[in-house]
């Protein structure tokens, strides 16, 4: 049984190695050719979003710590993080749509 477990981990390790190696090469070509996430428009949009993202996550951290310390409800306050992640995804989508709308006008 130990041999099968070791063989499985070895095969998984080899598979992960090839996936990572292939993705590094693929992303390198995307960077050089400025495709997908590396176009100049997307780079400019990321710079704008990064400014707001820092402030957003600092506020979320403050809310989490303030709520947890004041209520001493640490076992349920973790729910703030998944909700903040979902809200951040929505926030990022709205910001990218605003950026596209501003560029097209």
Protein backbone atom coordinates (compact mmCIF):
# COMPACT_ATOMS: atom_id res chain seq x y z
CA UNK A 1 0.00 0.00 0.00
CA UNK A 2 2.86 2.38 0.82
CA UNK A 3 4.38 1.70 -2.60
CA UNK A 4 1.15 2.67 -4.37
CA UNK A 5 0.90 5.87 -2.35
CA UNK A 6 4.48 6.74 -3.18
CA UNK A 7 3.94 5.97 -6.87
CA UNK A 8 0.81 8.12 -6.92
CA UNK A 9 2.64 11.06 -5.34
CA UNK A 10 5.49 10.63 -7.81
CA UNK A 11 3.11 10.68 -10.79
CA UNK A 12 1.27 13.72 -9.43
CA UNK A 13 4.60 15.50 -8.92
CA UNK A 14 5.67 14.76 -12.50
CA UNK A 15 2.31 15.98 -13.83
CA UNK A 16 2.51 19.21 -11.84
CA UNK A 17 6.07 19.78 -13.06
CA UNK A 18 4.98 19.55 -16.70
CA UNK A 19 1.93 21.76 -16.13
CA UNK A 20 4.01 24.48 -14.49
CA UNK A 21 6.75 24.28 -17.13
CA UNK A 22 4.24 24.54 -19.98
CA UNK A 23 2.39 27.46 -18.38
CA UNK A 24 5.62 29.36 -17.81
CA UNK A 25 6.48 29.05 -21.50
CA UNK A 26 2.92 29.99 -22.55
CA UNK A 27 2.88 33.06 -20.30
CA UNK A 28 6.31 34.10 -21.56
CA UNK A 29 5.01 34.16 -25.12
CA UNK A 30 1.92 36.11 -24.01
CA UNK A 31 4.13 38.70 -22.31
CA UNK A 32 6.42 39.07 -25.32
CA UNK A 33 3.54 39.27 -27.82
CA UNK A 34 1.34 41.32 -25.43
CA UNK A 35 -1.65 39.02 -25.64
CA UNK A 36 -4.47 38.14 -23.20
CA UNK A 37 -3.80 39.80 -19.82
CA UNK A 38 -0.66 41.58 -21.03
CA UNK A 39 -2.16 44.07 -23.49
CA UNK A 40 -1.46 47.73 -22.81
CA UNK A 41 -5.15 48.39 -22.06
CA UNK A 42 -5.33 45.65 -19.44
CA UNK A 43 -2.06 46.78 -17.87
CA UNK A 44 -3.43 50.32 -17.50
CA UNK A 45 -6.65 48.95 -16.02
CA UNK A 46 -4.72 46.86 -13.49
CA UNK A 47 -2.79 49.92 -12.29
CA UNK A 48 -6.06 51.73 -11.59
CA UNK A 49 -7.59 48.74 -9.82
CA UNK A 50 -4.46 48.17 -7.70
CA UNK A 51 -4.82 51.63 -6.15
CA UNK A 52 -8.33 50.86 -4.96
CA UNK A 53 -7.56 47.23 -4.08
CA UNK A 54 -5.02 48.21 -1.43
CA UNK A 55 -7.50 50.51 0.26
CA UNK A 56 -10.29 47.92 -0.06
CA UNK A 57 -8.34 45.10 1.59
CA UNK A 58 -7.09 47.37 4.37
CA UNK A 59 -10.69 48.37 5.14
CA UNK A 60 -11.81 44.72 5.10
CA UNK A 61 -8.96 43.80 7.47
CA UNK A 62 -9.95 46.61 9.81
CA UNK A 63 -13.61 45.53 9.76
CA UNK A 64 -12.64 41.92 10.46
CA UNK A 65 -10.37 42.75 13.36
CA UNK A 66 -12.71 45.34 14.85
CA UNK A 67 -15.71 43.02 14.69
CA UNK A 68 -13.75 40.04 16.02
CA UNK A 69 -12.19 41.90 18.93
CA UNK A 70 -15.36 43.76 19.92
CA UNK A 71 -17.70 40.79 19.70
CA UNK A 72 -15.14 38.10 20.62
CA UNK A 73 -16.88 36.02 17.95
CA UNK A 74 -13.81 34.61 16.21
CA UNK A 75 -15.47 31.34 15.25
CA UNK A 76 -17.99 33.08 12.97
CA UNK A 77 -16.20 36.24 11.89
CA UNK A 78 -14.16 34.36 9.24
CA UNK A 79 -17.18 34.63 6.93
CA UNK A 80 -16.04 38.19 6.20
CA UNK A 81 -13.17 36.91 4.01
CA UNK A 82 -15.16 34.86 1.46
CA UNK A 83 -17.76 37.64 1.25
CA UNK A 84 -15.01 40.22 0.76
CA UNK A 85 -13.48 38.07 -1.99
CA UNK A 86 -16.78 37.87 -3.85
CA UNK A 87 -17.36 41.60 -3.40
CA UNK A 88 -13.85 42.29 -4.69
CA UNK A 89 -14.55 40.25 -7.84
CA UNK A 90 -17.67 42.31 -8.45
CA UNK A 91 -15.76 45.53 -7.72
CA UNK A 92 -13.00 44.56 -10.17
CA UNK A 93 -15.53 43.71 -12.90
CA UNK A 94 -17.32 47.05 -12.44
CA UNK A 95 -14.04 48.96 -12.54
CA UNK A 96 -12.95 47.21 -15.74
CA UNK A 97 -16.31 47.96 -17.35
CA UNK A 98 -15.99 51.63 -16.38
CA UNK A 99 -12.50 51.69 -17.84
CA UNK A 100 -13.72 50.16 -21.12
CA UNK A 101 -16.59 52.63 -21.27
CA UNK A 102 -14.26 55.59 -20.67
CA UNK A 103 -11.84 54.41 -23.36
CA UNK A 104 -14.58 53.90 -25.95
CA UNK A 105 -16.04 57.39 -25.44
